[in-house]
N, C-alpha and C. Protein backbone atom coordinates (compact mmCIF):
# COMPACT_ATOMS: atom_id res chain seq x y z
N MET A 1 24.16 11.42 -5.67
CA MET A 1 23.23 11.90 -4.66
C MET A 1 22.57 10.70 -3.97
N THR A 2 22.51 10.76 -2.65
CA THR A 2 21.95 9.66 -1.87
C THR A 2 20.44 9.63 -1.99
N THR A 3 19.90 8.43 -2.26
CA THR A 3 18.45 8.24 -2.34
C THR A 3 17.99 7.41 -1.16
N ARG A 4 16.90 7.84 -0.54
CA ARG A 4 16.34 7.11 0.59
C ARG A 4 14.91 6.69 0.27
N THR A 5 14.49 5.59 0.87
CA THR A 5 13.13 5.09 0.67
C THR A 5 12.31 5.37 1.92
N ILE A 6 11.19 6.03 1.74
CA ILE A 6 10.26 6.32 2.82
C ILE A 6 9.02 5.45 2.62
N VAL A 7 8.54 4.86 3.69
CA VAL A 7 7.39 3.97 3.61
C VAL A 7 6.31 4.43 4.57
N GLY A 8 5.07 4.41 4.11
CA GLY A 8 3.94 4.73 4.96
C GLY A 8 2.83 3.71 4.79
N LEU A 9 2.37 3.16 5.90
CA LEU A 9 1.22 2.25 5.89
C LEU A 9 0.03 3.00 6.45
N TYR A 10 -1.13 2.86 5.77
CA TYR A 10 -2.33 3.59 6.16
C TYR A 10 -3.50 2.62 6.32
N ASP A 11 -4.41 2.98 7.20
CA ASP A 11 -5.56 2.11 7.44
C ASP A 11 -6.60 2.21 6.33
N THR A 12 -6.62 3.30 5.59
CA THR A 12 -7.62 3.45 4.55
C THR A 12 -6.99 3.79 3.21
N TYR A 13 -7.67 3.36 2.17
CA TYR A 13 -7.28 3.71 0.81
C TYR A 13 -7.22 5.22 0.65
N GLU A 14 -8.22 5.91 1.20
CA GLU A 14 -8.32 7.35 1.00
C GLU A 14 -7.12 8.09 1.59
N ASP A 15 -6.68 7.71 2.80
CA ASP A 15 -5.53 8.37 3.41
C ASP A 15 -4.27 8.16 2.58
N ALA A 16 -4.09 6.94 2.09
CA ALA A 16 -2.92 6.65 1.27
C ALA A 16 -2.98 7.41 -0.06
N ALA A 17 -4.16 7.47 -0.66
CA ALA A 17 -4.30 8.17 -1.94
C ALA A 17 -4.05 9.66 -1.78
N ARG A 18 -4.49 10.24 -0.68
CA ARG A 18 -4.21 11.66 -0.43
C ARG A 18 -2.72 11.89 -0.24
N THR A 19 -2.05 10.93 0.38
CA THR A 19 -0.60 11.03 0.53
C THR A 19 0.09 11.04 -0.82
N VAL A 20 -0.32 10.15 -1.71
CA VAL A 20 0.23 10.11 -3.06
C VAL A 20 0.00 11.44 -3.76
N ARG A 21 -1.21 11.96 -3.66
CA ARG A 21 -1.55 13.23 -4.30
C ARG A 21 -0.63 14.35 -3.81
N ASP A 22 -0.40 14.40 -2.49
CA ASP A 22 0.42 15.46 -1.93
C ASP A 22 1.89 15.30 -2.30
N LEU A 23 2.36 14.05 -2.38
CA LEU A 23 3.74 13.83 -2.83
C LEU A 23 3.92 14.32 -4.27
N GLU A 24 2.94 14.04 -5.10
CA GLU A 24 3.02 14.51 -6.49
C GLU A 24 2.94 16.02 -6.56
N ALA A 25 2.11 16.63 -5.71
CA ALA A 25 2.00 18.09 -5.69
C ALA A 25 3.29 18.75 -5.23
N ALA A 26 4.09 18.00 -4.45
CA ALA A 26 5.38 18.51 -3.98
C ALA A 26 6.49 18.27 -4.99
N ASN A 27 6.09 17.86 -6.19
CA ASN A 27 7.00 17.67 -7.33
C ASN A 27 7.89 16.44 -7.20
N LEU A 28 7.47 15.46 -6.41
CA LEU A 28 8.16 14.18 -6.47
C LEU A 28 7.71 13.46 -7.74
N ARG A 29 8.65 12.88 -8.43
CA ARG A 29 8.32 12.21 -9.68
C ARG A 29 7.41 11.01 -9.43
N GLY A 30 6.41 10.87 -10.29
CA GLY A 30 5.53 9.73 -10.18
C GLY A 30 6.28 8.41 -10.27
N ALA A 31 7.38 8.42 -11.01
CA ALA A 31 8.18 7.20 -11.16
C ALA A 31 8.85 6.78 -9.87
N ASP A 32 8.90 7.69 -8.89
CA ASP A 32 9.54 7.39 -7.61
C ASP A 32 8.54 7.12 -6.50
N ILE A 33 7.26 7.02 -6.84
CA ILE A 33 6.22 6.76 -5.85
C ILE A 33 5.54 5.43 -6.19
N SER A 34 5.15 4.70 -5.17
CA SER A 34 4.45 3.44 -5.38
C SER A 34 3.27 3.34 -4.42
N PHE A 35 2.23 2.61 -4.86
CA PHE A 35 0.98 2.52 -4.11
C PHE A 35 0.45 1.10 -4.21
N ILE A 36 0.15 0.49 -3.06
CA ILE A 36 -0.46 -0.84 -3.04
C ILE A 36 -1.55 -0.82 -1.97
N ALA A 37 -2.77 -1.18 -2.36
CA ALA A 37 -3.88 -1.17 -1.41
C ALA A 37 -4.69 -2.44 -1.52
N HIS A 38 -5.07 -2.97 -0.37
CA HIS A 38 -5.94 -4.13 -0.35
C HIS A 38 -7.23 -3.79 -1.09
N ARG A 39 -7.64 -4.67 -1.98
CA ARG A 39 -8.89 -4.43 -2.70
C ARG A 39 -10.04 -4.97 -1.86
N SER A 40 -10.88 -4.08 -1.38
CA SER A 40 -12.03 -4.48 -0.59
C SER A 40 -13.22 -3.64 -1.02
N GLU A 41 -14.30 -3.75 -0.27
CA GLU A 41 -15.49 -2.97 -0.61
C GLU A 41 -15.22 -1.48 -0.55
N ASP A 42 -14.18 -1.06 0.16
CA ASP A 42 -13.85 0.36 0.23
C ASP A 42 -13.49 0.93 -1.13
N HIS A 43 -13.06 0.07 -2.05
CA HIS A 43 -12.55 0.55 -3.32
C HIS A 43 -13.56 0.40 -4.45
N ILE A 44 -14.78 0.07 -4.12
CA ILE A 44 -15.81 -0.08 -5.14
C ILE A 44 -16.53 1.24 -5.31
N VAL A 45 -16.57 1.71 -6.55
CA VAL A 45 -17.18 3.00 -6.87
C VAL A 45 -18.35 2.74 -7.79
N THR A 46 -19.47 3.38 -7.54
CA THR A 46 -20.62 3.21 -8.41
C THR A 46 -20.98 4.52 -9.07
N ASP A 47 -21.64 4.45 -10.23
CA ASP A 47 -22.19 5.63 -10.87
C ASP A 47 -23.51 5.24 -11.53
N ASP A 48 -24.26 6.24 -11.98
CA ASP A 48 -25.60 5.99 -12.50
C ASP A 48 -25.59 5.23 -13.81
N SER A 49 -24.50 5.32 -14.56
CA SER A 49 -24.51 4.74 -15.90
C SER A 49 -24.03 3.31 -15.94
N SER A 50 -23.06 2.96 -15.09
CA SER A 50 -22.44 1.64 -15.25
C SER A 50 -22.59 0.74 -14.04
N GLY A 51 -23.24 1.22 -12.97
CA GLY A 51 -23.37 0.38 -11.79
C GLY A 51 -22.08 0.32 -11.03
N ALA A 52 -21.62 -0.88 -10.68
CA ALA A 52 -20.43 -1.02 -9.84
C ALA A 52 -19.20 -1.21 -10.70
N ALA A 53 -18.14 -0.53 -10.32
CA ALA A 53 -16.84 -0.74 -10.92
C ALA A 53 -15.98 -1.43 -9.89
N THR A 54 -15.14 -2.35 -10.32
CA THR A 54 -14.33 -3.08 -9.36
C THR A 54 -12.88 -3.05 -9.78
N GLY A 55 -12.01 -3.47 -8.84
CA GLY A 55 -10.61 -3.65 -9.15
C GLY A 55 -9.94 -2.37 -9.59
N ALA A 56 -9.17 -2.47 -10.70
CA ALA A 56 -8.39 -1.34 -11.16
C ALA A 56 -9.29 -0.18 -11.56
N GLU A 57 -10.46 -0.46 -12.15
CA GLU A 57 -11.36 0.61 -12.54
C GLU A 57 -11.82 1.39 -11.33
N ALA A 58 -12.16 0.69 -10.26
CA ALA A 58 -12.60 1.35 -9.05
C ALA A 58 -11.48 2.16 -8.44
N GLY A 59 -10.28 1.61 -8.44
CA GLY A 59 -9.15 2.34 -7.89
C GLY A 59 -8.88 3.61 -8.65
N ALA A 60 -8.93 3.53 -9.98
CA ALA A 60 -8.70 4.71 -10.80
C ALA A 60 -9.79 5.74 -10.55
N ALA A 61 -11.04 5.30 -10.44
CA ALA A 61 -12.14 6.23 -10.18
C ALA A 61 -11.95 6.92 -8.84
N ALA A 62 -11.55 6.16 -7.82
CA ALA A 62 -11.31 6.76 -6.51
C ALA A 62 -10.16 7.75 -6.59
N GLY A 63 -9.15 7.44 -7.39
CA GLY A 63 -8.03 8.35 -7.55
C GLY A 63 -8.46 9.67 -8.15
N VAL A 64 -9.33 9.61 -9.16
CA VAL A 64 -9.84 10.83 -9.77
C VAL A 64 -10.61 11.65 -8.74
N ALA A 65 -11.43 10.96 -7.94
CA ALA A 65 -12.24 11.66 -6.94
C ALA A 65 -11.37 12.37 -5.92
N LEU A 66 -10.19 11.84 -5.67
CA LEU A 66 -9.29 12.44 -4.68
C LEU A 66 -8.30 13.41 -5.30
N GLY A 67 -8.47 13.69 -6.56
CA GLY A 67 -7.60 14.65 -7.21
C GLY A 67 -6.33 14.05 -7.77
N GLY A 68 -6.27 12.71 -7.87
CA GLY A 68 -5.05 12.07 -8.35
C GLY A 68 -5.19 11.45 -9.70
N GLY A 69 -6.26 11.79 -10.44
CA GLY A 69 -6.52 11.11 -11.69
C GLY A 69 -5.45 11.30 -12.74
N ALA A 70 -4.70 12.43 -12.68
CA ALA A 70 -3.70 12.69 -13.70
C ALA A 70 -2.35 12.10 -13.33
N GLY A 71 -2.26 11.48 -12.19
CA GLY A 71 -0.98 10.97 -11.73
C GLY A 71 -0.95 9.48 -11.56
N LEU A 72 -0.20 9.05 -10.55
CA LEU A 72 0.03 7.63 -10.33
C LEU A 72 -1.26 6.84 -10.19
N LEU A 73 -2.24 7.37 -9.48
CA LEU A 73 -3.46 6.62 -9.20
C LEU A 73 -4.27 6.31 -10.45
N ALA A 74 -4.04 7.06 -11.52
CA ALA A 74 -4.75 6.79 -12.77
C ALA A 74 -4.26 5.51 -13.42
N GLY A 75 -3.09 5.03 -13.00
CA GLY A 75 -2.52 3.84 -13.61
C GLY A 75 -2.65 2.59 -12.78
N LEU A 76 -3.57 2.59 -11.81
CA LEU A 76 -3.72 1.42 -10.95
C LEU A 76 -4.11 0.17 -11.73
N GLY A 77 -3.51 -0.95 -11.34
CA GLY A 77 -3.84 -2.23 -11.94
C GLY A 77 -4.04 -3.26 -10.85
N MET A 78 -4.49 -4.43 -11.24
CA MET A 78 -4.76 -5.51 -10.28
C MET A 78 -3.55 -6.42 -10.14
N LEU A 79 -3.32 -6.88 -8.93
CA LEU A 79 -2.28 -7.85 -8.64
C LEU A 79 -2.78 -8.76 -7.53
N ALA A 80 -2.64 -10.07 -7.70
CA ALA A 80 -3.04 -11.01 -6.65
C ALA A 80 -1.79 -11.45 -5.90
N ILE A 81 -1.76 -11.18 -4.60
CA ILE A 81 -0.61 -11.54 -3.77
C ILE A 81 -1.00 -12.69 -2.86
N PRO A 82 -0.31 -13.80 -2.95
CA PRO A 82 -0.61 -14.92 -2.05
C PRO A 82 -0.57 -14.51 -0.59
N GLY A 83 -1.59 -14.89 0.16
CA GLY A 83 -1.68 -14.52 1.55
C GLY A 83 -2.36 -13.19 1.78
N VAL A 84 -2.40 -12.34 0.76
CA VAL A 84 -3.04 -11.04 0.84
C VAL A 84 -4.37 -11.06 0.10
N GLY A 85 -4.33 -11.61 -1.12
CA GLY A 85 -5.49 -11.56 -1.98
C GLY A 85 -5.31 -10.46 -3.01
N PRO A 86 -6.39 -10.03 -3.67
CA PRO A 86 -6.28 -9.01 -4.71
C PRO A 86 -5.97 -7.64 -4.14
N VAL A 87 -5.09 -6.92 -4.83
CA VAL A 87 -4.77 -5.55 -4.47
C VAL A 87 -4.86 -4.68 -5.71
N VAL A 88 -5.01 -3.39 -5.51
CA VAL A 88 -4.84 -2.42 -6.59
C VAL A 88 -3.50 -1.76 -6.36
N ALA A 89 -2.73 -1.60 -7.42
CA ALA A 89 -1.34 -1.17 -7.23
C ALA A 89 -0.81 -0.45 -8.46
N ALA A 90 0.20 0.38 -8.23
CA ALA A 90 0.91 1.06 -9.31
C ALA A 90 2.24 1.56 -8.76
N GLY A 91 3.20 1.76 -9.66
CA GLY A 91 4.45 2.37 -9.25
C GLY A 91 5.64 1.45 -9.29
N TRP A 92 6.79 2.00 -8.94
CA TRP A 92 8.07 1.31 -9.11
C TRP A 92 8.17 0.03 -8.29
N LEU A 93 7.61 0.02 -7.08
CA LEU A 93 7.70 -1.17 -6.25
C LEU A 93 6.96 -2.33 -6.90
N VAL A 94 5.83 -2.03 -7.49
CA VAL A 94 5.03 -3.05 -8.16
C VAL A 94 5.76 -3.56 -9.40
N VAL A 95 6.35 -2.65 -10.16
CA VAL A 95 7.08 -3.03 -11.37
C VAL A 95 8.26 -3.92 -11.00
N THR A 96 8.97 -3.54 -9.94
CA THR A 96 10.11 -4.34 -9.50
C THR A 96 9.67 -5.73 -9.07
N ALA A 97 8.58 -5.79 -8.30
CA ALA A 97 8.07 -7.08 -7.85
C ALA A 97 7.61 -7.92 -9.03
N ALA A 98 6.93 -7.29 -9.98
CA ALA A 98 6.44 -8.02 -11.15
C ALA A 98 7.61 -8.57 -11.97
N GLY A 99 8.69 -7.79 -12.05
CA GLY A 99 9.86 -8.27 -12.77
C GLY A 99 10.45 -9.49 -12.13
N ALA A 100 10.40 -9.53 -10.80
CA ALA A 100 10.92 -10.69 -10.08
C ALA A 100 10.06 -11.91 -10.29
N LEU A 101 8.83 -11.68 -10.76
CA LEU A 101 7.89 -12.78 -10.94
C LEU A 101 7.95 -13.41 -12.33
N ALA A 102 8.68 -12.79 -13.22
CA ALA A 102 8.69 -13.28 -14.60
C ALA A 102 9.07 -14.75 -14.63
N GLY A 103 8.13 -15.55 -15.08
CA GLY A 103 8.36 -16.98 -15.18
C GLY A 103 8.28 -17.73 -13.87
N ALA A 104 7.94 -17.04 -12.79
CA ALA A 104 7.91 -17.68 -11.48
C ALA A 104 6.60 -18.42 -11.27
N ALA A 105 6.60 -19.39 -10.39
CA ALA A 105 5.39 -20.13 -10.07
C ALA A 105 4.52 -19.30 -9.14
N ALA A 106 3.26 -19.70 -9.01
CA ALA A 106 2.35 -19.02 -8.10
C ALA A 106 2.94 -19.07 -6.69
N GLY A 107 2.80 -17.95 -6.00
CA GLY A 107 3.36 -17.87 -4.66
C GLY A 107 4.56 -16.94 -4.62
N GLY A 108 5.07 -16.55 -5.79
CA GLY A 108 6.23 -15.68 -5.81
C GLY A 108 5.91 -14.22 -5.61
N ALA A 109 4.62 -13.85 -5.75
CA ALA A 109 4.29 -12.43 -5.66
C ALA A 109 4.64 -11.85 -4.30
N ALA A 110 4.34 -12.60 -3.25
CA ALA A 110 4.66 -12.11 -1.91
C ALA A 110 6.17 -11.95 -1.75
N GLY A 111 6.91 -12.96 -2.18
CA GLY A 111 8.36 -12.87 -2.10
C GLY A 111 8.90 -11.73 -2.94
N GLY A 112 8.26 -11.50 -4.09
CA GLY A 112 8.68 -10.40 -4.94
C GLY A 112 8.45 -9.06 -4.29
N LEU A 113 7.31 -8.91 -3.62
CA LEU A 113 6.99 -7.66 -2.95
C LEU A 113 7.94 -7.40 -1.79
N ILE A 114 8.12 -8.39 -0.94
CA ILE A 114 9.01 -8.23 0.21
C ILE A 114 10.45 -8.04 -0.28
N GLY A 115 10.85 -8.82 -1.27
CA GLY A 115 12.19 -8.68 -1.83
C GLY A 115 12.43 -7.31 -2.41
N SER A 116 11.42 -6.75 -3.08
CA SER A 116 11.55 -5.41 -3.66
C SER A 116 11.74 -4.35 -2.60
N MET A 117 10.99 -4.47 -1.51
CA MET A 117 11.17 -3.52 -0.41
C MET A 117 12.57 -3.66 0.20
N MET A 118 13.02 -4.89 0.35
CA MET A 118 14.35 -5.11 0.91
C MET A 118 15.44 -4.53 0.01
N SER A 119 15.27 -4.67 -1.30
CA SER A 119 16.26 -4.14 -2.23
C SER A 119 16.30 -2.62 -2.20
N ALA A 120 15.21 -2.00 -1.70
CA ALA A 120 15.15 -0.55 -1.59
C ALA A 120 15.59 -0.07 -0.21
N GLY A 121 16.07 -1.00 0.63
CA GLY A 121 16.62 -0.61 1.91
C GLY A 121 15.73 -0.88 3.11
N VAL A 122 14.57 -1.51 2.89
CA VAL A 122 13.68 -1.86 4.00
C VAL A 122 14.11 -3.21 4.57
N SER A 123 14.19 -3.32 5.88
CA SER A 123 14.62 -4.59 6.48
C SER A 123 13.58 -5.67 6.22
N ARG A 124 14.01 -6.94 6.29
CA ARG A 124 13.07 -8.04 6.08
C ARG A 124 11.94 -8.00 7.10
N GLU A 125 12.28 -7.72 8.35
CA GLU A 125 11.27 -7.67 9.40
C GLU A 125 10.22 -6.61 9.11
N HIS A 126 10.67 -5.42 8.71
CA HIS A 126 9.73 -4.35 8.42
C HIS A 126 8.93 -4.64 7.16
N ALA A 127 9.59 -5.22 6.15
CA ALA A 127 8.88 -5.57 4.91
C ALA A 127 7.78 -6.58 5.19
N SER A 128 8.06 -7.53 6.07
CA SER A 128 7.06 -8.53 6.45
C SER A 128 5.88 -7.86 7.15
N PHE A 129 6.17 -6.90 8.02
CA PHE A 129 5.10 -6.17 8.71
C PHE A 129 4.24 -5.40 7.71
N TYR A 130 4.89 -4.72 6.77
CA TYR A 130 4.11 -3.93 5.81
C TYR A 130 3.23 -4.82 4.94
N ALA A 131 3.75 -5.98 4.53
CA ALA A 131 2.94 -6.91 3.76
C ALA A 131 1.75 -7.38 4.58
N GLU A 132 1.97 -7.65 5.87
CA GLU A 132 0.88 -8.06 6.75
C GLU A 132 -0.14 -6.94 6.91
N GLY A 133 0.34 -5.70 6.96
CA GLY A 133 -0.56 -4.57 7.07
C GLY A 133 -1.50 -4.46 5.89
N VAL A 134 -0.96 -4.70 4.69
CA VAL A 134 -1.81 -4.70 3.49
C VAL A 134 -2.79 -5.85 3.55
N ARG A 135 -2.31 -7.02 3.99
CA ARG A 135 -3.19 -8.19 4.13
C ARG A 135 -4.39 -7.87 5.01
N ARG A 136 -4.17 -7.07 6.05
CA ARG A 136 -5.24 -6.75 7.00
C ARG A 136 -6.06 -5.54 6.58
N GLY A 137 -5.96 -5.17 5.32
CA GLY A 137 -6.82 -4.13 4.78
C GLY A 137 -6.17 -2.78 4.59
N GLY A 138 -4.87 -2.68 4.83
CA GLY A 138 -4.19 -1.41 4.73
C GLY A 138 -3.77 -1.03 3.33
N ALA A 139 -3.16 0.13 3.22
CA ALA A 139 -2.64 0.63 1.96
C ALA A 139 -1.23 1.14 2.18
N LEU A 140 -0.34 0.82 1.27
CA LEU A 140 1.08 1.11 1.43
C LEU A 140 1.54 2.12 0.38
N VAL A 141 2.24 3.15 0.85
CA VAL A 141 2.83 4.14 -0.04
C VAL A 141 4.34 4.13 0.18
N THR A 142 5.10 4.05 -0.88
CA THR A 142 6.55 4.14 -0.78
C THR A 142 7.04 5.23 -1.73
N ALA A 143 8.09 5.91 -1.32
CA ALA A 143 8.66 6.97 -2.15
C ALA A 143 10.18 6.93 -2.07
N ARG A 144 10.82 7.02 -3.22
CA ARG A 144 12.27 7.13 -3.28
C ARG A 144 12.62 8.61 -3.44
N VAL A 145 13.35 9.16 -2.47
CA VAL A 145 13.64 10.60 -2.49
C VAL A 145 15.11 10.83 -2.22
N ASP A 146 15.62 11.94 -2.75
CA ASP A 146 16.98 12.31 -2.42
C ASP A 146 16.96 13.13 -1.13
N GLU A 147 18.12 13.37 -0.58
CA GLU A 147 18.21 14.02 0.73
C GLU A 147 17.53 15.39 0.75
N SER A 148 17.59 16.12 -0.35
CA SER A 148 17.02 17.46 -0.38
C SER A 148 15.50 17.46 -0.27
N HIS A 149 14.86 16.32 -0.58
CA HIS A 149 13.41 16.23 -0.52
C HIS A 149 12.93 15.36 0.66
N PHE A 150 13.87 14.85 1.45
CA PHE A 150 13.48 13.88 2.47
C PHE A 150 12.54 14.48 3.51
N GLU A 151 12.86 15.63 4.08
CA GLU A 151 12.04 16.21 5.14
C GLU A 151 10.64 16.53 4.63
N THR A 152 10.56 17.05 3.40
CA THR A 152 9.25 17.35 2.82
C THR A 152 8.42 16.10 2.66
N ALA A 153 9.04 15.04 2.10
CA ALA A 153 8.32 13.79 1.89
C ALA A 153 7.92 13.16 3.22
N GLU A 154 8.79 13.25 4.21
CA GLU A 154 8.49 12.68 5.52
C GLU A 154 7.29 13.39 6.15
N ALA A 155 7.24 14.70 6.03
CA ALA A 155 6.11 15.46 6.59
C ALA A 155 4.81 15.09 5.89
N ILE A 156 4.88 14.90 4.57
CA ILE A 156 3.68 14.52 3.82
C ILE A 156 3.22 13.13 4.23
N MET A 157 4.14 12.21 4.42
CA MET A 157 3.78 10.85 4.83
C MET A 157 3.03 10.85 6.16
N GLN A 158 3.36 11.77 7.04
CA GLN A 158 2.72 11.83 8.36
C GLN A 158 1.38 12.56 8.33
N ARG A 159 1.14 13.32 7.30
CA ARG A 159 0.01 14.25 7.26
C ARG A 159 -1.35 13.56 7.33
N HIS A 160 -1.46 12.40 6.72
CA HIS A 160 -2.78 11.77 6.58
C HIS A 160 -2.93 10.48 7.38
N GLY A 161 -2.31 10.44 8.56
CA GLY A 161 -2.56 9.33 9.46
C GLY A 161 -1.70 8.10 9.22
N ARG A 162 -0.43 8.31 8.92
CA ARG A 162 0.46 7.16 8.77
C ARG A 162 0.50 6.36 10.07
N ILE A 163 0.39 5.05 9.95
CA ILE A 163 0.40 4.16 11.10
C ILE A 163 1.78 4.13 11.73
N ASP A 164 1.83 4.16 13.05
CA ASP A 164 3.08 3.97 13.77
C ASP A 164 3.44 2.49 13.68
N PRO A 165 4.48 2.11 12.94
CA PRO A 165 4.77 0.69 12.74
C PRO A 165 5.14 -0.04 14.02
N VAL A 166 5.78 0.64 14.97
CA VAL A 166 6.17 -0.01 16.22
C VAL A 166 4.93 -0.40 17.02
N THR A 167 4.02 0.55 17.16
CA THR A 167 2.80 0.29 17.93
C THR A 167 1.94 -0.77 17.26
N ARG A 168 1.77 -0.66 15.95
CA ARG A 168 0.89 -1.60 15.25
C ARG A 168 1.50 -3.00 15.20
N GLU A 169 2.81 -3.07 14.97
CA GLU A 169 3.44 -4.39 14.95
C GLU A 169 3.31 -5.06 16.32
N LYS A 170 3.45 -4.30 17.39
CA LYS A 170 3.28 -4.86 18.73
C LYS A 170 1.86 -5.40 18.90
N ALA A 171 0.88 -4.66 18.38
CA ALA A 171 -0.50 -5.12 18.47
C ALA A 171 -0.68 -6.43 17.71
N TYR A 172 -0.04 -6.54 16.54
CA TYR A 172 -0.11 -7.80 15.80
C TYR A 172 0.51 -8.94 16.60
N ARG A 173 1.68 -8.67 17.16
CA ARG A 173 2.41 -9.72 17.89
C ARG A 173 1.68 -10.12 19.17
N ASP A 174 0.97 -9.19 19.77
CA ASP A 174 0.22 -9.50 20.99
C ASP A 174 -0.90 -10.51 20.71
N THR A 175 -1.29 -10.63 19.45
CA THR A 175 -2.33 -11.60 19.08
C THR A 175 -1.72 -12.91 18.58
N GLY A 176 -0.39 -13.01 18.62
CA GLY A 176 0.27 -14.25 18.21
C GLY A 176 0.91 -14.20 16.85
N TRP A 177 0.79 -13.07 16.13
CA TRP A 177 1.40 -12.96 14.81
C TRP A 177 2.92 -12.96 14.92
N LYS A 178 3.60 -13.63 13.99
CA LYS A 178 5.06 -13.69 14.01
C LYS A 178 5.68 -13.09 12.75
N THR A 179 5.16 -13.48 11.60
CA THR A 179 5.71 -12.98 10.34
C THR A 179 4.68 -13.17 9.25
N PHE A 180 4.84 -12.44 8.15
CA PHE A 180 3.90 -12.58 7.04
C PHE A 180 4.00 -13.98 6.45
N ASP A 181 2.85 -14.58 6.21
CA ASP A 181 2.79 -15.95 5.68
C ASP A 181 2.01 -15.93 4.37
N GLU A 182 2.71 -16.16 3.27
CA GLU A 182 2.03 -16.13 1.98
C GLU A 182 1.08 -17.30 1.78
N LYS A 183 1.12 -18.28 2.69
CA LYS A 183 0.19 -19.41 2.61
C LYS A 183 -1.07 -19.17 3.45
N ALA A 184 -1.11 -18.04 4.13
CA ALA A 184 -2.28 -17.74 4.96
C ALA A 184 -3.50 -17.47 4.09
N ILE A 185 -4.66 -17.72 4.66
CA ILE A 185 -5.90 -17.45 3.94
C ILE A 185 -6.16 -15.95 3.95
N PRO A 186 -6.40 -15.34 2.80
CA PRO A 186 -6.67 -13.89 2.78
C PRO A 186 -7.88 -13.52 3.62
N TYR A 187 -7.89 -12.32 4.13
CA TYR A 187 -8.99 -11.85 4.95
C TYR A 187 -10.27 -11.71 4.12
N THR A 188 -11.39 -12.05 4.72
CA THR A 188 -12.69 -11.81 4.13
C THR A 188 -13.14 -10.39 4.48
N SER A 189 -14.23 -9.93 3.90
CA SER A 189 -14.76 -8.61 4.23
C SER A 189 -15.09 -8.51 5.72
N ALA A 190 -15.63 -9.59 6.28
CA ALA A 190 -15.95 -9.59 7.72
C ALA A 190 -14.68 -9.51 8.56
N ASP A 191 -13.64 -10.23 8.13
CA ASP A 191 -12.35 -10.17 8.83
C ASP A 191 -11.80 -8.75 8.82
N LEU A 192 -11.89 -8.10 7.65
CA LEU A 192 -11.36 -6.75 7.52
C LEU A 192 -12.13 -5.77 8.41
N ALA A 193 -13.44 -5.93 8.47
CA ALA A 193 -14.25 -5.04 9.30
C ALA A 193 -13.85 -5.19 10.77
N ARG A 194 -13.64 -6.43 11.21
CA ARG A 194 -13.23 -6.65 12.60
C ARG A 194 -11.84 -6.05 12.85
N GLU A 195 -10.93 -6.22 11.90
CA GLU A 195 -9.58 -5.69 12.05
C GLU A 195 -9.60 -4.17 12.16
N ARG A 196 -10.34 -3.52 11.29
CA ARG A 196 -10.37 -2.06 11.29
C ARG A 196 -11.03 -1.50 12.54
N ALA A 197 -11.96 -2.26 13.09
CA ALA A 197 -12.63 -1.81 14.32
C ALA A 197 -11.68 -1.76 15.51
N LEU A 198 -10.54 -2.45 15.39
CA LEU A 198 -9.56 -2.47 16.48
C LEU A 198 -8.79 -1.16 16.56
N TYR A 199 -8.79 -0.37 15.49
CA TYR A 199 -7.95 0.83 15.44
C TYR A 199 -8.79 2.03 14.99
N PRO A 200 -9.82 2.39 15.73
CA PRO A 200 -10.71 3.47 15.28
C PRO A 200 -10.06 4.83 15.22
N ASN A 201 -9.02 5.04 16.02
CA ASN A 201 -8.40 6.37 16.07
C ASN A 201 -7.22 6.51 15.10
N ARG A 202 -6.81 5.40 14.51
CA ARG A 202 -5.72 5.41 13.54
C ARG A 202 -4.55 6.25 14.01
N PRO A 203 -3.88 5.89 15.12
CA PRO A 203 -2.76 6.69 15.63
C PRO A 203 -1.66 6.81 14.60
N SER A 204 -1.08 7.98 14.49
CA SER A 204 -0.03 8.24 13.51
C SER A 204 1.24 8.67 14.21
N ILE A 205 2.35 8.66 13.45
CA ILE A 205 3.61 9.09 14.02
C ILE A 205 3.93 10.50 13.56
């Protein structure tokens, strides 16, 4: 049976997490879904007893709040990607990238992530764009589906504001961007706020 990889880039953690939740509700196996989100102030969750939670704890808490606590989002962990900075992530794409990193020097995480997407059928150009999207504060959802589930998964990916990659990549290139650079300085919170202000309507495909 033919397996296809569907990719969705989202401007917010919440939109991507809702997409994961809906994919799981449609009976896609958690093992075939992956989630990577830039770790920023958006992912910090507070409560009365413990104050601020950060990183993987915050991601898991947000997942529970969005109805995904029993699934993929409950297993979020931290990963530092050169050029991106810290992310919260879980799923097959992360596992594949981490496997490529075994024994590798610092700087391999970006190559592992892009390489993993390429091995799943994503072109180098598109993989570079998706990595840049995460760098700029986005969240990435990938799903491996067979043909019988493709249309359902595609509709779910579009449901919560998936970014049009053609339009967004053009916007990046209009500012001089050429390709993802793992040596680039990760965005600060102020950088992320300015970036997100550029796309208030979050156009989707």
